[in-house]
Amino acid sequence: MLFTSIDEIRQFLAVGAGTDFNRLKPHIQNAETAYLRPLLGPVLFKELQDFYNNPEAELPAENKILLPELLSLAQRTLIHLTYWSGFQVLNATISDGGFKRTENEKVKSLFKYQEVELKEYFKTTGFNGLDEILFYLEMEIGKSTEETVNFKSFVDSGAWTILKSSFIPDTNTFNAIVFINYSRLTFLRLKSSMQLVEDLDIKPLLDETIFDEIKLEMVKKTPSAKVSAILPFIQKAMAYLATALLMEESGADLTDKGLYFESTSSENNLTTNMQPAESDRINFLAKRNKAIGQNYLDRLKSYLIANATDWPTYSGQAGNALRRNNTDKKSFWAC
């Protein structure tokens, strides 16, 4: 666990002097298990835990610089997610007599709207912190050399934020098409939707020969001119169709970073529904993005047809489906 005392917690959150660490401890462990460990992956999380337990241990030079900053980001994020995920239990007294609200003549419970706002603060700060961790890891890994790869265990994990084999490889590229507030969590949550769009929409449209050629070329340091030209059409279709799929599946919009974690749904831990018509808005946005995505698929087809010299194997070239030899036919098609 990345905390052992209230004094450590006070560096990141102004908790009262009478706060019982033992009461917080199970909620810290729950937040670590639900959010921090899945984000970092088991290997990097263990490296961070080992560093916390023994910061004076012998480490590679780069880790002595990188791990303290990562630990600070992780602790600040963790304590906010602890109070968010454990809010209901921490806000109650549990005894043999049952569950009671904490209240006396001097201290009274929050009003309902204050509870909602406080929980939203903990949630927003916590998930923004997870995004900051991903950004920090991404930036430091980008500074790696051939001899030394920073946070290699994270690069090798399923949580790595750069998807080199995807048509949309990173958060910034996606955000330039559909605004996701530069959230790495949202981008990772979209990974399965992007794969689905690639398999069911993009690949059948391109045909296997063109698809394989683009895939092989786009991962090169300098892709060919024709691949660089066609990629934006593919990326725009994929981004809009993938976001539509995610919104249809989750019933939430793209701002809910918690959707990256299976244990967190759009309605989880919300005391009240602040916007009764939210589902209508999400349905509208999903349909809108789906329509835009289909429009970009049509533009991709038109581009392939218009650039037949670059893509001669494309089977959907203009008029192919309508042209035929009318000789000896009872009917004819005019072009």
Protein backbone atom coordinates (compact mmCIF):
# COMPACT_ATOMS: atom_id res chain seq x y z
CA MET A 1 0.00 0.00 0.00
CA LEU A 2 1.32 3.48 -0.87
CA PHE A 3 0.30 5.15 2.42
CA THR A 4 1.16 4.24 6.01
CA SER A 5 0.12 7.34 7.95
CA ILE A 6 -2.22 10.32 8.09
CA ASP A 7 0.79 12.66 7.87
CA GLU A 8 1.53 11.34 4.37
CA ILE A 9 -2.08 11.89 3.34
CA ARG A 10 -1.99 15.51 4.56
CA GLN A 11 0.56 16.30 1.85
CA PHE A 12 -2.21 15.82 -0.70
CA LEU A 13 -5.48 16.40 1.17
CA ALA A 14 -6.20 18.51 4.26
CA VAL A 15 -7.71 15.86 6.53
CA GLY A 16 -8.51 16.52 10.18
CA ALA A 17 -6.13 15.74 13.03
CA GLY A 18 -8.54 13.17 14.44
CA THR A 19 -8.76 11.13 11.24
CA ASP A 20 -8.23 7.45 11.96
CA PHE A 21 -5.82 5.94 9.44
CA ASN A 22 -7.05 2.42 10.18
CA ARG A 23 -10.52 3.49 9.09
CA LEU A 24 -9.14 4.73 5.78
CA LYS A 25 -6.80 1.80 5.18
CA PRO A 26 -9.28 -0.67 3.58
CA HIS A 27 -10.57 2.04 1.25
CA ILE A 28 -7.02 2.91 0.15
CA GLN A 29 -6.42 -0.76 -0.60
CA ASN A 30 -9.70 -0.96 -2.55
CA ALA A 31 -8.80 2.11 -4.63
CA GLU A 32 -5.33 0.71 -5.36
CA THR A 33 -6.83 -2.57 -6.53
CA ALA A 34 -9.62 -1.02 -8.60
CA TYR A 35 -7.79 1.87 -10.25
CA LEU A 36 -4.05 2.26 -9.73
CA ARG A 37 -2.89 -1.33 -10.21
CA PRO A 38 -4.88 -1.87 -13.46
CA LEU A 39 -3.62 1.46 -14.79
CA LEU A 40 0.09 0.81 -14.15
CA GLY A 41 0.06 -2.93 -14.69
CA PRO A 42 1.28 -5.40 -12.05
CA VAL A 43 5.00 -5.08 -12.82
CA LEU A 44 5.27 -1.27 -12.68
CA PHE A 45 2.96 -1.15 -9.66
CA LYS A 46 5.28 -3.58 -7.84
CA GLU A 47 8.31 -1.47 -8.79
CA LEU A 48 6.56 1.58 -7.35
CA GLN A 49 5.53 -0.30 -4.19
CA ASP A 50 9.08 -1.59 -3.70
CA PHE A 51 10.45 1.93 -4.09
CA TYR A 52 7.94 3.25 -1.54
CA ASN A 53 8.85 0.50 0.93
CA ASN A 54 12.60 1.03 0.49
CA PRO A 55 13.54 4.28 -1.30
CA GLU A 56 17.21 3.78 -0.42
CA ALA A 57 17.47 0.44 -2.24
CA GLU A 58 19.91 0.07 -5.11
CA LEU A 59 18.16 1.20 -8.31
CA PRO A 60 19.12 2.12 -11.88
CA ALA A 61 20.04 5.81 -12.05
CA GLU A 62 16.99 6.77 -14.13
CA ASN A 63 14.60 5.14 -11.63
CA LYS A 64 15.94 7.27 -8.78
CA ILE A 65 14.77 10.30 -10.75
CA LEU A 66 11.55 8.96 -12.28
CA LEU A 67 9.99 6.92 -9.46
CA PRO A 68 9.73 9.73 -6.84
CA GLU A 69 7.66 11.85 -9.23
CA LEU A 70 5.50 8.89 -10.20
CA LEU A 71 4.97 8.06 -6.51
CA SER A 72 3.85 11.61 -5.75
CA LEU A 73 1.37 11.60 -8.65
CA ALA A 74 0.10 8.15 -7.62
CA GLN A 75 -0.41 9.10 -3.97
CA ARG A 76 -2.29 12.32 -4.76
CA THR A 77 -4.52 10.45 -7.19
CA LEU A 78 -5.02 7.51 -4.86
CA ILE A 79 -6.23 9.47 -1.83
CA HIS A 80 -8.85 11.34 -3.86
CA LEU A 81 -10.13 8.09 -5.38
CA THR A 82 -10.13 6.58 -1.89
CA TYR A 83 -12.47 9.24 -0.55
CA TRP A 84 -14.64 9.04 -3.68
CA SER A 85 -15.03 5.27 -3.79
CA GLY A 86 -15.38 4.95 -0.01
CA PHE A 87 -17.50 8.05 0.48
CA GLN A 88 -20.69 6.35 1.67
CA VAL A 89 -18.98 4.16 4.26
CA LEU A 90 -16.65 6.88 5.52
CA ASN A 91 -19.64 9.17 5.92
CA ALA A 92 -21.42 6.73 8.23
CA THR A 93 -20.88 5.10 11.60
CA ILE A 94 -21.05 1.32 11.56
CA SER A 95 -21.69 -0.48 14.85
CA ASP A 96 -23.58 -3.41 16.33
CA GLY A 97 -26.55 -1.07 16.49
CA GLY A 98 -26.56 -0.65 12.71
CA PHE A 99 -25.57 2.15 10.33
CA LYS A 100 -25.88 5.74 11.50
CA ARG A 101 -25.14 9.21 10.21
CA THR A 102 -22.31 11.07 11.97
CA GLU A 103 -23.85 14.10 13.62
CA ASN A 104 -23.76 15.89 16.98
CA GLU A 105 -24.46 19.36 18.38
CA LYS A 106 -21.19 20.77 17.05
CA VAL A 107 -20.78 18.82 13.81
CA LYS A 108 -23.61 18.07 11.39
CA SER A 109 -23.77 16.14 8.16
CA LEU A 110 -23.49 17.87 4.80
CA PHE A 111 -26.53 18.93 2.88
CA LYS A 112 -27.34 16.67 -0.05
CA TYR A 113 -26.05 19.13 -2.66
CA GLN A 114 -22.80 19.48 -0.70
CA GLU A 115 -22.34 15.70 -0.69
CA VAL A 116 -22.88 15.56 -4.45
CA GLU A 117 -20.40 18.39 -5.09
CA LEU A 118 -17.79 16.92 -2.73
CA LYS A 119 -18.03 13.46 -4.29
CA GLU A 120 -17.78 15.01 -7.75
CA TYR A 121 -14.64 16.89 -6.62
CA PHE A 122 -13.01 13.67 -5.37
CA LYS A 123 -14.01 11.82 -8.55
CA THR A 124 -12.86 14.52 -10.97
CA THR A 125 -9.57 15.11 -9.16
CA GLY A 126 -8.91 11.38 -8.90
CA PHE A 127 -9.54 10.49 -12.53
CA ASN A 128 -7.73 13.61 -13.73
CA GLY A 129 -4.82 12.36 -11.63
CA LEU A 130 -4.86 9.00 -13.43
CA ASP A 131 -4.69 10.88 -16.71
CA GLU A 132 -1.74 12.92 -15.38
CA ILE A 133 0.04 9.68 -14.48
CA LEU A 134 -0.44 8.36 -18.02
CA PHE A 135 0.76 11.65 -19.50
CA TYR A 136 3.85 11.61 -17.26
CA LEU A 137 4.68 8.03 -18.23
CA GLU A 138 4.15 8.82 -21.92
CA MET A 139 6.43 11.87 -21.79
CA GLU A 140 9.22 10.11 -19.91
CA ILE A 141 9.07 7.04 -22.16
CA GLY A 142 9.36 9.41 -25.11
CA LYS A 143 12.72 10.54 -23.72
CA SER A 144 14.09 6.98 -23.79
CA THR A 145 17.31 6.17 -25.62
CA GLU A 146 18.38 3.03 -27.44
CA GLU A 147 20.36 2.02 -24.37
CA THR A 148 17.74 2.86 -21.75
CA VAL A 149 13.96 2.57 -22.08
CA ASN A 150 12.20 4.49 -19.31
CA PHE A 151 9.37 2.56 -17.63
CA LYS A 152 9.87 -0.41 -19.93
CA SER A 153 7.49 -2.52 -17.83
CA PHE A 154 4.71 -0.08 -18.66
CA VAL A 155 5.52 -0.12 -22.38
CA ASP A 156 5.19 -3.90 -22.30
CA SER A 157 1.83 -3.78 -20.48
CA GLY A 158 -1.69 -3.64 -21.91
CA ALA A 159 -2.14 -0.12 -20.52
CA TRP A 160 0.50 1.46 -22.80
CA THR A 161 -1.05 4.51 -24.42
CA ILE A 162 0.66 4.41 -27.83
CA LEU A 163 -1.05 1.97 -30.21
CA LYS A 164 1.44 1.89 -33.08
CA SER A 165 -0.46 -0.73 -35.06
CA SER A 166 -3.73 1.24 -34.91
CA PHE A 167 -4.85 3.72 -37.57
CA ILE A 168 -5.16 6.20 -34.69
CA PRO A 169 -2.01 5.56 -32.63
CA ASP A 170 -2.28 8.09 -29.81
CA THR A 171 -4.49 10.44 -27.82
CA ASN A 172 -3.42 13.63 -29.58
CA THR A 173 -4.27 12.23 -33.01
CA PHE A 174 -7.71 11.13 -31.79
CA ASN A 175 -8.36 14.43 -30.01
CA ALA A 176 -7.61 16.37 -33.20
CA ILE A 177 -10.60 14.59 -34.81
CA VAL A 178 -13.07 14.12 -31.94
CA PHE A 179 -12.58 16.11 -28.74
CA ILE A 180 -11.88 13.81 -25.77
CA ASN A 181 -10.15 16.47 -23.66
CA TYR A 182 -6.77 14.83 -24.37
CA SER A 183 -7.75 12.04 -21.98
CA ARG A 184 -5.54 8.97 -22.17
CA LEU A 185 -8.14 7.06 -20.16
CA THR A 186 -10.83 7.82 -22.71
CA PHE A 187 -8.49 6.90 -25.56
CA LEU A 188 -7.67 3.54 -23.96
CA ARG A 189 -11.37 2.94 -23.35
CA LEU A 190 -11.95 3.46 -27.08
CA LYS A 191 -9.36 0.83 -28.06
CA SER A 192 -11.84 -2.05 -28.38
CA SER A 193 -14.33 0.13 -30.28
CA MET A 194 -11.63 1.21 -32.72
CA GLN A 195 -10.66 -2.41 -33.29
CA LEU A 196 -14.28 -3.30 -34.00
CA VAL A 197 -14.62 -0.47 -36.53
CA GLU A 198 -11.36 -1.53 -38.15
CA ASP A 199 -12.49 -5.14 -38.52
CA LEU A 200 -16.10 -4.58 -39.57
CA ASP A 201 -16.00 -1.28 -41.49
CA ILE A 202 -12.53 -0.24 -42.60
CA LYS A 203 -11.02 -3.55 -43.69
CA PRO A 204 -14.03 -4.72 -45.80
CA LEU A 205 -14.18 -1.34 -47.50
CA LEU A 206 -10.48 -1.22 -48.40
CA ASP A 207 -10.18 -4.94 -49.27
CA GLU A 208 -7.40 -7.04 -47.79
CA THR A 209 -4.63 -6.08 -50.24
CA ILE A 210 -4.97 -2.33 -49.69
CA PHE A 211 -5.58 -2.77 -45.97
CA ASP A 212 -2.35 -4.76 -45.52
CA GLU A 213 -0.36 -2.31 -47.65
CA ILE A 214 -1.51 0.68 -45.59
CA LYS A 215 -0.89 -1.13 -42.30
CA LEU A 216 2.67 -2.05 -43.27
CA GLU A 217 3.47 1.42 -44.57
CA MET A 218 1.93 3.58 -41.84
CA VAL A 219 4.21 2.27 -39.05
CA LYS A 220 7.31 3.40 -40.94
CA LYS A 221 9.08 6.56 -39.83
CA THR A 222 8.19 8.15 -43.17
CA PRO A 223 5.15 6.50 -44.81
CA SER A 224 4.68 6.78 -48.57
CA ALA A 225 2.90 9.87 -49.88
CA LYS A 226 -0.20 7.95 -50.98
CA VAL A 227 -0.61 6.33 -47.54
CA SER A 228 -0.13 9.66 -45.77
CA ALA A 229 -2.82 11.11 -48.02
CA ILE A 230 -5.43 8.40 -47.39
CA LEU A 231 -4.89 8.01 -43.63
CA PRO A 232 -6.93 11.11 -42.59
CA PHE A 233 -10.03 9.67 -44.34
CA ILE A 234 -9.63 6.38 -42.45
CA GLN A 235 -8.90 8.08 -39.13
CA LYS A 236 -11.92 10.40 -39.28
CA ALA A 237 -14.30 7.55 -40.08
CA MET A 238 -12.81 5.42 -37.31
CA ALA A 239 -12.88 8.15 -34.64
CA TYR A 240 -16.54 9.07 -35.16
CA LEU A 241 -17.77 5.48 -35.49
CA ALA A 242 -15.76 4.33 -32.44
CA THR A 243 -17.10 7.13 -30.23
CA ALA A 244 -20.64 6.32 -31.38
CA LEU A 245 -20.11 2.68 -30.40
CA LEU A 246 -18.74 3.63 -26.99
CA MET A 247 -21.63 5.96 -26.21
CA GLU A 248 -24.20 3.38 -27.37
CA GLU A 249 -22.56 0.68 -25.25
CA SER A 250 -21.99 2.71 -22.08
CA GLY A 251 -24.90 5.16 -22.11
CA ALA A 252 -22.41 7.87 -21.13
CA ASP A 253 -20.61 10.61 -22.98
CA LEU A 254 -16.89 10.86 -23.63
CA THR A 255 -16.13 12.93 -20.50
CA ASP A 256 -16.66 10.01 -18.08
CA LYS A 257 -13.05 8.87 -17.61
CA GLY A 258 -14.11 6.21 -15.12
CA LEU A 259 -15.50 4.12 -17.97
CA TYR A 260 -11.98 2.83 -18.58
CA PHE A 261 -12.44 0.68 -15.49
CA GLU A 262 -14.99 -2.13 -15.67
CA SER A 263 -15.96 -1.59 -12.03
CA THR A 264 -17.11 1.95 -12.71
CA SER A 265 -20.26 2.70 -14.68
CA SER A 266 -21.71 6.07 -15.64
CA GLU A 267 -24.22 5.91 -12.79
CA ASN A 268 -21.90 4.48 -10.12
CA ASN A 269 -21.53 6.55 -6.96
CA LEU A 270 -23.82 9.33 -8.12
CA THR A 271 -26.28 10.42 -5.47
CA THR A 272 -28.66 12.17 -7.82
CA ASN A 273 -29.16 12.50 -11.52
CA MET A 274 -28.25 16.07 -12.26
CA GLN A 275 -29.66 15.97 -15.81
CA PRO A 276 -32.84 13.89 -16.24
CA ALA A 277 -32.63 14.10 -20.03
CA GLU A 278 -28.98 12.95 -20.16
CA SER A 279 -29.80 9.65 -21.91
CA ASP A 280 -31.58 11.53 -24.72
CA ARG A 281 -28.52 13.73 -25.21
CA ILE A 282 -26.19 10.69 -25.31
CA ASN A 283 -28.45 8.94 -27.84
CA PHE A 284 -28.43 12.06 -29.98
CA LEU A 285 -24.63 12.35 -29.85
CA ALA A 286 -24.18 8.64 -30.63
CA LYS A 287 -26.48 8.86 -33.69
CA ARG A 288 -24.80 12.08 -34.81
CA ASN A 289 -21.29 10.63 -34.59
CA LYS A 290 -22.41 7.44 -36.33
CA ALA A 291 -23.86 9.47 -39.21
CA ILE A 292 -20.68 11.55 -39.49
CA GLY A 293 -18.58 8.37 -39.44
CA GLN A 294 -20.65 6.81 -42.23
CA ASN A 295 -20.24 10.03 -44.20
CA TYR A 296 -16.47 9.75 -43.86
CA LEU A 297 -16.62 6.12 -45.01
CA ASP A 298 -18.40 7.32 -48.15
CA ARG A 299 -15.71 9.96 -48.65
CA LEU A 300 -13.06 7.23 -48.26
CA LYS A 301 -14.75 5.23 -51.05
CA SER A 302 -14.87 8.32 -53.26
CA TYR A 303 -11.20 9.03 -52.58
CA LEU A 304 -10.18 5.52 -53.62
CA ILE A 305 -12.22 5.82 -56.79
CA ALA A 306 -10.77 9.25 -57.62
CA ASN A 307 -7.22 7.99 -57.04
CA ALA A 308 -7.43 4.71 -58.89
CA THR A 309 -3.86 5.07 -60.19
CA ASP A 310 -2.57 4.91 -56.60
CA TRP A 311 -4.94 2.11 -55.59
CA PRO A 312 -5.51 0.03 -58.77
CA THR A 313 -6.63 -3.08 -56.87
CA TYR A 314 -9.62 -1.31 -55.29
CA SER A 315 -12.69 -3.33 -56.31
CA GLY A 316 -15.16 -0.48 -55.92
CA GLN A 317 -13.84 1.80 -58.66
CA ALA A 318 -16.37 4.11 -60.30
CA GLY A 319 -18.95 2.33 -62.40
CA ASN A 320 -17.63 -1.19 -61.94
CA ALA A 321 -20.86 -2.35 -60.36
CA LEU A 322 -22.99 -0.81 -63.10
CA ARG A 323 -21.00 -1.46 -66.28
CA ARG A 324 -21.57 -4.62 -68.28
CA ASN A 325 -21.64 -5.79 -71.85
CA ASN A 326 -25.29 -5.36 -73.02
CA THR A 327 -24.88 -7.60 -76.09
CA ASP A 328 -27.59 -10.27 -76.34
CA LYS A 329 -29.15 -9.14 -73.04
CA LYS A 330 -32.96 -8.69 -72.71
CA SER A 331 -32.32 -5.63 -70.61
CA PHE A 332 -29.51 -3.10 -70.68
CA TRP A 333 -27.84 -0.68 -68.29
CA ALA A 334 -27.02 2.77 -69.57
CA CYS A 335 -24.01 4.68 -68.17
